[in-house]
């Protein structure tokens, strides 16, 4: 991408976060996701791009908006001439249950790249190991848990007992949880939101040192885009256990079902933008806050070209004459 679209994509995730924050704690996860999708779609069409959704809410028959293959951006209303071709992966509300219950770490998030820069990942599970910059050349997806945690601890100059590993609280992770606990490392179990957990693992001072376990492949691609900007790493492999899984992979051009992907495989673009806004309070961002004169949002915008990470606190001022800005 030749032009700087980061602040344009900031608008997209901010509006999606604000929309679903109005539904926070009301117990209706589907409605929360619906309003986030609608807001993200509406604002996306004001961004000066010729965009294609490569990871979205599902196939066209399943999702009326932001479906895989959908065209978005100003090119749809003004013609394709002069607009950059951009591939986009979206998760309008990562942590629908978190938003519905008012729990921490719900975010609105997207990743964008020059055309062909994001893997068209099938909607399958994916084994994942996410670590920060210090550890990325010293771990292996196929290594025993003890070996990987020992390596991470050595890279961080601390004891294994000092490490915090995030794992999705799922039945399928019982053995993994037991293996981690056997090393003496501490576990933070989460109900949803392994994408935001992966970002935290790559940020020094977050208190998170690794993410382990199986989660969604689409979220893995968005995590990889963040890793390209944060200099962290994701190791991932698709979980292909049925003939229909193989067929889905082949439809998206994937024939090596045992391949271990890294961030440059999942998000290979020369120009990557990652944008996220907190919906509820989280590790790196505060949630949306409403006050009498407006709305306050907390976001992170990352790029690899130019390479920069910006934490942005925005006040969206209400259209009234006597506005008070709160610190």
Protein backbone atom coordinates (compact mmCIF):
# COMPACT_ATOMS: atom_id res chain seq x y z
CA UNK A 1 0.00 0.00 0.00
CA UNK A 2 1.52 3.25 -1.13
CA UNK A 3 -0.60 5.63 0.93
CA UNK A 4 -1.00 5.74 4.71
CA UNK A 5 -4.41 4.26 5.37
CA UNK A 6 -3.86 3.59 9.06
CA UNK A 7 -6.04 6.43 10.36
CA UNK A 8 -8.76 5.46 7.89
CA UNK A 9 -8.83 1.94 9.33
CA UNK A 10 -8.75 3.45 12.83
CA UNK A 11 -12.13 5.04 12.06
CA UNK A 12 -13.47 1.63 11.03
CA UNK A 13 -12.57 -0.19 14.25
CA UNK A 14 -13.54 2.76 16.46
CA UNK A 15 -17.05 2.90 15.04
CA UNK A 16 -17.46 -0.88 15.26
CA UNK A 17 -16.33 -0.82 18.91
CA UNK A 18 -18.67 2.04 19.78
CA UNK A 19 -21.63 0.30 18.13
CA UNK A 20 -21.24 -2.96 20.01
CA UNK A 21 -20.28 -1.21 23.27
CA UNK A 22 -23.88 0.02 23.39
CA UNK A 23 -24.88 -3.65 23.68
CA UNK A 24 -22.24 -4.57 26.29
CA UNK A 25 -23.56 -6.64 29.19
CA UNK A 26 -27.01 -7.18 27.68
CA UNK A 27 -26.47 -10.90 27.15
CA UNK A 28 -27.18 -11.01 23.40
CA UNK A 29 -23.93 -12.03 21.69
CA UNK A 30 -25.53 -12.31 18.24
CA UNK A 31 -26.92 -8.77 18.39
CA UNK A 32 -23.56 -7.45 19.59
CA UNK A 33 -21.81 -9.06 16.63
CA UNK A 34 -24.51 -7.87 14.21
CA UNK A 35 -24.20 -4.18 15.12
CA UNK A 36 -20.40 -4.41 15.00
CA UNK A 37 -20.53 -5.89 11.49
CA UNK A 38 -22.98 -3.27 10.25
CA UNK A 39 -20.92 -0.39 11.64
CA UNK A 40 -17.65 -1.74 10.28
CA UNK A 41 -19.20 -2.30 6.83
CA UNK A 42 -20.72 1.19 6.73
CA UNK A 43 -17.47 2.98 7.60
CA UNK A 44 -15.34 0.67 5.45
CA UNK A 45 -17.16 1.93 2.37
CA UNK A 46 -15.89 5.46 3.09
CA UNK A 47 -12.23 4.36 3.02
CA UNK A 48 -10.45 5.27 -0.27
CA UNK A 49 -9.57 1.70 -1.33
CA UNK A 50 -10.60 -1.07 -3.68
CA UNK A 51 -10.88 -3.62 -0.91
CA UNK A 52 -11.62 -7.33 -0.75
CA UNK A 53 -12.59 -9.20 2.41
CA UNK A 54 -10.38 -12.30 2.55
CA UNK A 55 -11.30 -13.27 6.12
CA UNK A 56 -14.72 -12.24 7.33
CA UNK A 57 -17.95 -13.39 8.88
CA UNK A 58 -18.20 -16.48 6.66
CA UNK A 59 -19.37 -17.37 3.18
CA UNK A 60 -21.81 -15.14 1.32
CA UNK A 61 -24.82 -17.37 2.06
CA UNK A 62 -24.04 -17.25 5.79
CA UNK A 63 -23.18 -13.55 6.15
CA UNK A 64 -25.05 -10.67 4.50
CA UNK A 65 -22.14 -8.31 5.18
CA UNK A 66 -18.35 -8.64 5.38
CA UNK A 67 -18.44 -12.10 3.87
CA UNK A 68 -15.36 -13.66 2.30
CA UNK A 69 -14.92 -12.20 -1.18
CA UNK A 70 -17.03 -9.11 -0.54
CA UNK A 71 -15.80 -5.91 -2.16
CA UNK A 72 -15.55 -2.89 0.12
CA UNK A 73 -14.25 0.66 -0.01
CA UNK A 74 -14.97 3.80 -2.02
CA UNK A 75 -14.17 1.99 -5.27
CA UNK A 76 -17.58 0.34 -5.04
CA UNK A 77 -19.41 3.66 -5.30
CA UNK A 78 -16.97 5.72 -7.37
CA UNK A 79 -15.42 3.16 -9.69
CA UNK A 80 -12.15 1.28 -9.39
CA UNK A 81 -9.92 3.86 -11.03
CA UNK A 82 -7.19 5.27 -8.81
CA UNK A 83 -7.93 3.25 -5.66
CA UNK A 84 -5.41 0.88 -4.12
CA UNK A 85 -6.21 -2.83 -4.10
CA UNK A 86 -6.24 -3.99 -0.49
CA UNK A 87 -6.97 -7.35 1.14
CA UNK A 88 -8.70 -7.14 4.51
CA UNK A 89 -9.24 -9.60 7.36
CA UNK A 90 -11.88 -8.56 9.87
CA UNK A 91 -13.20 -9.65 13.24
CA UNK A 92 -15.79 -6.93 13.93
CA UNK A 93 -16.19 -8.18 17.51
CA UNK A 94 -13.55 -10.54 18.81
CA UNK A 95 -15.04 -11.91 22.01
CA UNK A 96 -18.79 -11.82 21.40
CA UNK A 97 -19.41 -13.62 24.69
CA UNK A 98 -17.06 -11.21 26.44
CA UNK A 99 -19.07 -8.24 25.19
CA UNK A 100 -22.41 -9.88 26.01
CA UNK A 101 -21.34 -10.53 29.61
CA UNK A 102 -19.24 -7.39 30.11
CA UNK A 103 -16.03 -9.39 30.55
CA UNK A 104 -12.57 -8.06 29.70
CA UNK A 105 -10.68 -8.05 26.37
CA UNK A 106 -13.46 -7.74 23.80
CA UNK A 107 -12.10 -5.80 20.80
CA UNK A 108 -13.03 -4.70 17.28
CA UNK A 109 -10.15 -5.58 14.98
CA UNK A 110 -8.97 -5.77 11.39
CA UNK A 111 -5.80 -6.38 9.42
CA UNK A 112 -5.09 -5.05 5.93
CA UNK A 113 -2.38 -5.66 3.36
CA UNK A 114 -1.50 -5.10 -0.25
CA UNK A 115 -3.32 -7.53 -2.55
CA UNK A 116 -2.31 -11.16 -1.88
CA UNK A 117 -0.67 -10.31 1.44
CA UNK A 118 -2.99 -12.30 3.76
CA UNK A 119 -3.56 -16.06 3.67
CA UNK A 120 -7.10 -17.04 2.72
CA UNK A 121 -7.43 -19.32 5.73
CA UNK A 122 -10.30 -21.82 5.87
CA UNK A 123 -12.63 -21.58 8.85
CA UNK A 124 -10.97 -24.45 10.72
CA UNK A 125 -9.11 -24.87 13.98
CA UNK A 126 -5.41 -24.19 14.09
CA UNK A 127 -2.74 -25.26 16.58
CA UNK A 128 -1.01 -22.12 17.81
CA UNK A 129 2.04 -21.04 19.73
CA UNK A 130 2.49 -17.27 20.10
CA UNK A 131 5.59 -15.72 21.69
CA UNK A 132 7.35 -12.38 21.88
CA UNK A 133 10.49 -11.14 20.10
CA UNK A 134 12.97 -12.59 22.60
CA UNK A 135 11.73 -16.17 22.26
CA UNK A 136 10.68 -16.45 18.64
CA UNK A 137 13.82 -18.23 17.38
CA UNK A 138 14.01 -20.65 20.30
CA UNK A 139 10.64 -22.48 20.33
CA UNK A 140 9.01 -25.07 18.11
CA UNK A 141 5.35 -25.98 17.65
CA UNK A 142 6.21 -29.69 17.85
CA UNK A 143 8.50 -29.44 20.88
CA UNK A 144 7.25 -30.66 24.28
CA UNK A 145 5.65 -28.03 26.49
CA UNK A 146 8.47 -28.32 29.03
CA UNK A 147 11.09 -27.67 26.35
CA UNK A 148 9.33 -24.61 24.96
CA UNK A 149 8.69 -23.05 28.36
CA UNK A 150 12.26 -23.66 29.46
CA UNK A 151 13.49 -21.94 26.30
CA UNK A 152 11.14 -18.98 26.82
CA UNK A 153 12.25 -18.60 30.43
CA UNK A 154 15.92 -18.66 29.42
CA UNK A 155 15.37 -16.02 26.75
CA UNK A 156 13.61 -13.78 29.28
CA UNK A 157 16.21 -14.44 31.97
CA UNK A 158 13.68 -15.77 34.45
CA UNK A 159 12.42 -19.02 35.94
CA UNK A 160 9.73 -21.17 34.31
CA UNK A 161 7.66 -20.58 37.47
CA UNK A 162 7.60 -16.87 36.60
CA UNK A 163 5.96 -17.39 33.20
CA UNK A 164 2.28 -16.76 32.45
CA UNK A 165 0.75 -18.77 29.61
CA UNK A 166 -2.69 -17.99 28.21
CA UNK A 167 -4.87 -20.94 27.19
CA UNK A 168 -8.47 -21.00 25.97
CA UNK A 169 -10.60 -22.81 28.56
CA UNK A 170 -11.80 -25.70 26.43
CA UNK A 171 -12.24 -29.43 26.99
CA UNK A 172 -9.72 -30.14 24.21
CA UNK A 173 -6.98 -28.39 26.22
CA UNK A 174 -7.08 -30.56 29.34
CA UNK A 175 -3.79 -32.33 28.56
CA UNK A 176 -2.10 -29.08 27.53
CA UNK A 177 -3.18 -27.42 30.78
CA UNK A 178 -1.86 -30.37 32.80
CA UNK A 179 1.46 -30.29 30.91
CA UNK A 180 1.91 -26.56 31.53
CA UNK A 181 1.09 -26.88 35.22
CA UNK A 182 3.54 -29.76 35.53
CA UNK A 183 6.36 -27.37 34.56
CA UNK A 184 5.46 -24.96 37.35
CA UNK A 185 4.40 -22.19 34.96
CA UNK A 186 1.22 -20.24 35.67
CA UNK A 187 -1.84 -20.36 33.41
CA UNK A 188 -4.38 -17.66 32.68
CA UNK A 189 -7.49 -19.42 31.35
CA UNK A 190 -9.70 -17.31 29.08
CA UNK A 191 -13.19 -17.98 27.76
CA UNK A 192 -12.65 -16.17 24.44
CA UNK A 193 -10.26 -13.76 22.76
CA UNK A 194 -7.08 -15.62 21.86
CA UNK A 195 -6.32 -12.90 19.29
CA UNK A 196 -5.99 -10.16 21.91
CA UNK A 197 -4.05 -12.64 24.07
CA UNK A 198 -1.58 -13.20 21.23
CA UNK A 199 -0.96 -9.48 20.90
CA UNK A 200 -0.30 -9.22 24.64
CA UNK A 201 2.27 -12.03 24.42
CA UNK A 202 4.35 -9.94 22.02
CA UNK A 203 4.31 -6.77 24.14
CA UNK A 204 6.93 -6.50 26.89
CA UNK A 205 5.37 -5.65 30.23
CA UNK A 206 1.92 -7.11 29.50
CA UNK A 207 2.49 -9.95 31.97
CA UNK A 208 1.83 -12.54 29.26
CA UNK A 209 4.71 -14.64 27.95
CA UNK A 210 3.09 -17.14 25.58
CA UNK A 211 -0.22 -18.32 24.15
CA UNK A 212 -0.68 -22.04 23.57
CA UNK A 213 -3.50 -24.21 22.27
CA UNK A 214 -5.96 -24.60 19.44
CA UNK A 215 -8.12 -21.75 18.15
CA UNK A 216 -9.63 -20.38 14.96
CA UNK A 217 -7.50 -20.18 11.84
CA UNK A 218 -8.95 -16.81 10.71
CA UNK A 219 -7.94 -15.28 14.04
CA UNK A 220 -4.50 -16.80 13.50
CA UNK A 221 -4.04 -14.78 10.31
CA UNK A 222 -5.01 -11.53 12.04
CA UNK A 223 -2.65 -12.38 14.90
CA UNK A 224 0.12 -12.97 12.35
CA UNK A 225 -0.43 -9.47 10.95
CA UNK A 226 0.07 -8.06 14.44
CA UNK A 227 3.20 -10.18 14.91
CA UNK A 228 4.67 -8.73 11.70
CA UNK A 229 4.37 -5.30 13.31
CA UNK A 230 5.38 -6.26 16.87
CA UNK A 231 8.33 -8.48 15.87
CA UNK A 232 6.76 -11.38 17.75
CA UNK A 233 5.94 -14.75 16.21
CA UNK A 234 3.09 -17.18 15.74
CA UNK A 235 3.66 -20.83 14.90
CA UNK A 236 0.53 -22.47 13.55
CA UNK A 237 -0.78 -25.58 11.81
CA UNK A 238 -4.26 -26.26 10.49
CA UNK A 239 -6.20 -29.02 12.22
CA UNK A 240 -7.34 -31.16 9.29
CA UNK A 241 -9.09 -34.31 10.52
CA UNK A 242 -11.91 -34.92 8.03
CA UNK A 243 -12.25 -35.19 4.23
CA UNK A 244 -14.43 -32.08 4.24
CA UNK A 245 -11.61 -30.20 5.98
CA UNK A 246 -9.23 -31.23 3.19
CA UNK A 247 -11.72 -30.12 0.57
CA UNK A 248 -12.15 -26.74 2.24
CA UNK A 249 -8.38 -26.27 2.29
CA UNK A 250 -8.00 -27.21 -1.37
CA UNK A 251 -10.74 -24.73 -2.29
CA UNK A 252 -8.53 -22.01 -0.81
CA UNK A 253 -5.39 -23.30 -2.51
CA UNK A 254 -3.91 -25.14 0.49
CA UNK A 255 -2.56 -28.62 -0.23
CA UNK A 256 0.06 -29.15 2.49
CA UNK A 257 -2.05 -29.97 5.54
CA UNK A 258 0.94 -30.54 7.84
CA UNK A 259 2.69 -27.24 7.16
CA UNK A 260 3.77 -25.18 10.16
CA UNK A 261 3.03 -21.55 9.32
CA UNK A 262 4.84 -18.54 10.74
CA UNK A 263 3.76 -14.92 10.61
CA UNK A 264 5.37 -14.30 7.21
CA UNK A 265 3.44 -17.25 5.78
CA UNK A 266 0.09 -16.12 7.16
CA UNK A 267 0.62 -12.40 6.55
CA UNK A 268 3.25 -12.11 3.82
CA UNK A 269 2.38 -8.63 2.58
CA UNK A 270 5.04 -5.97 2.18
CA UNK A 271 2.68 -3.45 3.74
CA UNK A 272 0.64 -4.54 6.77
CA UNK A 273 -1.76 -2.49 8.89
CA UNK A 274 -3.33 -3.81 12.08
CA UNK A 275 -6.02 -1.82 13.87
CA UNK A 276 -7.95 -2.61 17.05
CA UNK A 277 -10.18 -0.72 19.45
CA UNK A 278 -11.14 -1.93 22.92
CA UNK A 279 -14.82 -2.66 23.51
CA UNK A 280 -14.39 -3.72 27.14
CA UNK A 281 -11.37 -3.00 29.33
CA UNK A 282 -8.42 -5.24 28.49
CA UNK A 283 -4.73 -5.86 28.93
CA UNK A 284 -3.58 -3.24 26.40
CA UNK A 285 -6.62 -1.04 25.80
CA UNK A 286 -9.48 0.36 27.83
CA UNK A 287 -13.02 -0.24 26.70
CA UNK A 288 -15.41 2.31 25.22
CA UNK A 289 -16.46 4.92 27.77
CA UNK A 290 -19.58 7.03 27.39
CA UNK A 291 -19.98 10.43 29.04
CA UNK A 292 -22.38 13.31 28.68
CA UNK A 293 -20.49 15.16 25.95
CA UNK A 294 -19.18 12.27 23.90
CA UNK A 295 -17.43 8.93 23.76
CA UNK A 296 -13.86 7.93 24.56
CA UNK A 297 -12.07 5.06 22.82
CA UNK A 298 -8.69 3.37 23.24
CA UNK A 299 -7.02 1.86 20.18
CA UNK A 300 -3.78 0.48 18.82
CA UNK A 301 -2.64 0.99 15.21
CA UNK A 302 0.36 -0.93 13.94
CA UNK A 303 2.24 -0.86 10.65
CA UNK A 304 5.31 -2.59 9.31
CA UNK A 305 5.95 -0.07 6.52
CA UNK A 306 6.73 2.44 7.95
CA UNK A 307 7.32 0.41 11.09
CA UNK A 308 5.45 2.04 13.95
CA UNK A 309 3.00 1.23 16.72
CA UNK A 310 0.63 3.89 17.98
CA UNK A 311 -1.62 3.72 21.04
CA UNK A 312 -4.40 6.22 20.42
CA UNK A 313 -6.86 7.64 22.95
CA UNK A 314 -9.71 9.40 21.15
CA UNK A 315 -12.57 11.57 22.35
CA UNK A 316 -15.50 11.60 19.94
CA UNK A 317 -17.18 14.91 20.78
CA UNK A 318 -20.97 15.19 20.77
CA UNK A 319 -22.41 17.82 18.37
CA UNK A 320 -23.44 20.34 21.00
CA UNK A 321 -22.48 23.91 21.74
CA UNK A 322 -21.08 23.68 25.28
CA UNK A 323 -18.87 20.58 25.36
CA UNK A 324 -16.68 19.63 28.33
CA UNK A 325 -13.65 17.46 27.58
CA UNK A 326 -12.84 15.01 30.38
CA UNK A 327 -9.28 13.84 31.07
